[in-house]
C-alpha atoms as a PDB file:
ATOM      1  CA  MET A   1      16.450  37.382  24.043  1.00  0.00           C
ATOM      2  CA  THR A   2      13.109  36.201  24.837  1.00  0.00           C
ATOM      3  CA  ARG A   3      12.814  32.396  24.589  1.00  0.00           C
ATOM      4  CA  SER A   4       9.262  30.761  24.122  1.00  0.00           C
ATOM      5  CA  VAL A   5       8.552  27.221  25.136  1.00  0.00           C
ATOM      6  CA  PHE A   6       5.460  25.408  23.765  1.00  0.00           C
ATOM      7  CA  LEU A   7       3.983  22.420  25.376  1.00  0.00           C
ATOM      8  CA  PHE A   8       1.844  20.179  23.665  1.00  0.00           C
ATOM      9  CA  ASP A   9      -1.152  18.038  25.152  1.00  0.00           C
ATOM     10  CA  VAL A  10      -1.387  14.928  23.057  1.00  0.00           C
ATOM     11  CA  ASP A  11      -2.849  12.449  25.441  1.00  0.00           C
ATOM     12  CA  ASN A  12      -6.016  11.933  23.275  1.00  0.00           C
ATOM     13  CA  THR A  13      -7.494  15.110  24.942  1.00  0.00           C
ATOM     14  CA  LEU A  14      -6.528  17.247  21.989  1.00  0.00           C
ATOM     15  CA  LEU A  15      -5.630  14.690  19.464  1.00  0.00           C
ATOM     16  CA  ASP A  16      -7.709  11.383  18.533  1.00  0.00           C
ATOM     17  CA  ASN A  17      -4.736   8.905  18.797  1.00  0.00           C
ATOM     18  CA  ASP A  18      -7.216   6.200  17.462  1.00  0.00           C
ATOM     19  CA  ARG A  19      -8.191   8.452  14.463  1.00  0.00           C
ATOM     20  CA  ILE A  20      -4.251   9.221  13.693  1.00  0.00           C
ATOM     21  CA  ILE A  21      -3.609   5.659  13.477  1.00  0.00           C
ATOM     22  CA  VAL A  22      -6.480   4.814  11.108  1.00  0.00           C
ATOM     23  CA  ASP A  23      -5.056   7.931   8.937  1.00  0.00           C
ATOM     24  CA  LEU A  24      -1.676   6.786   9.363  1.00  0.00           C
ATOM     25  CA  ARG A  25      -2.031   3.369   8.389  1.00  0.00           C
ATOM     26  CA  ARG A  26      -4.059   4.203   5.279  1.00  0.00           C
ATOM     27  CA  TYR A  27      -1.336   6.462   4.339  1.00  0.00           C
ATOM     28  CA  LEU A  28       1.463   3.810   4.749  1.00  0.00           C
ATOM     29  CA  ASP A  29      -0.474   1.298   2.999  1.00  0.00           C
ATOM     30  CA  ARG A  30      -0.663   3.618  -0.012  1.00  0.00           C
ATOM     31  CA  LYS A  31       3.043   4.795   0.176  1.00  0.00           C
ATOM     32  CA  VAL A  32       5.102   1.690   1.229  1.00  0.00           C
ATOM     33  CA  GLY A  33       2.583  -1.090   0.702  1.00  0.00           C
ATOM     34  CA  ALA A  34       0.783  -3.318   3.330  1.00  0.00           C
ATOM     35  CA  GLY A  35       3.704  -5.323   4.342  1.00  0.00           C
ATOM     36  CA  PRO A  36       5.940  -2.442   5.486  1.00  0.00           C
ATOM     37  CA  ALA A  37       2.903  -0.845   6.889  1.00  0.00           C
ATOM     38  CA  GLN A  38       2.242  -3.658   9.282  1.00  0.00           C
ATOM     39  CA  GLN A  39       5.830  -3.973  10.265  1.00  0.00           C
ATOM     40  CA  TYR A  40       5.836  -0.188  11.243  1.00  0.00           C
ATOM     41  CA  PHE A  41       2.601  -0.909  13.474  1.00  0.00           C
ATOM     42  CA  GLU A  42       4.040  -3.742  15.057  1.00  0.00           C
ATOM     43  CA  PHE A  43       7.235  -1.744  15.930  1.00  0.00           C
ATOM     44  CA  PHE A  44       4.961   1.076  16.940  1.00  0.00           C
ATOM     45  CA  GLU A  45       2.772  -1.132  19.195  1.00  0.00           C
ATOM     46  CA  GLU A  46       5.929  -2.526  20.962  1.00  0.00           C
ATOM     47  CA  LEU A  47       7.085   0.825  21.654  1.00  0.00           C
ATOM     48  CA  ARG A  48       3.941   1.900  22.714  1.00  0.00           C
ATOM     49  CA  ARG A  49       3.740  -0.997  25.317  1.00  0.00           C
ATOM     50  CA  GLU A  50       7.119  -0.172  26.482  1.00  0.00           C
ATOM     51  CA  LEU A  51       6.716   3.666  26.917  1.00  0.00           C
ATOM     52  CA  GLY A  52       2.948   3.764  27.932  1.00  0.00           C
ATOM     53  CA  TYR A  53       2.302   6.143  25.382  1.00  0.00           C
ATOM     54  CA  ALA A  54       2.044   6.556  21.546  1.00  0.00           C
ATOM     55  CA  ASP A  55       5.393   7.556  19.951  1.00  0.00           C
ATOM     56  CA  TYR A  56       4.754   7.834  16.405  1.00  0.00           C
ATOM     57  CA  LEU A  57       8.286   9.140  15.199  1.00  0.00           C
ATOM     58  CA  GLY A  58      10.345   7.131  17.879  1.00  0.00           C
ATOM     59  CA  LYS A  59       9.752   3.892  16.004  1.00  0.00           C
ATOM     60  CA  LEU A  60      10.621   5.593  12.690  1.00  0.00           C
ATOM     61  CA  CYS A  61      14.140   6.160  14.212  1.00  0.00           C
ATOM     62  CA  VAL A  62      14.494   2.760  15.894  1.00  0.00           C
ATOM     63  CA  GLY A  63      12.831   1.010  13.152  1.00  0.00           C
ATOM     64  CA  SER A  64      15.283   2.628  10.509  1.00  0.00           C
ATOM     65  CA  GLU A  65      17.830  -0.261  11.788  1.00  0.00           C
ATOM     66  CA  SER A  66      15.983  -2.609   9.757  1.00  0.00           C
ATOM     67  CA  ALA A  67      14.851  -0.972   6.899  1.00  0.00           C
ATOM     68  CA  VAL A  68      11.076  -0.458   6.662  1.00  0.00           C
ATOM     69  CA  GLY A  69       9.610   0.463   3.094  1.00  0.00           C
END
């Protein structure tokens, strides 16, 4: 059996992280409201400072401890 490994380069060379944040903020504002969206981004920025990179889903997992939305 042959196994495949896929590596993704997401350090702002293939993906525009700033644009993703703008799009994600608009989406969350519509879907969950401004308050919960702001709470998500506070969690997100805290984790970004800790890790040194943008982890969009990581804060969803950690943030789920206190319901967002």
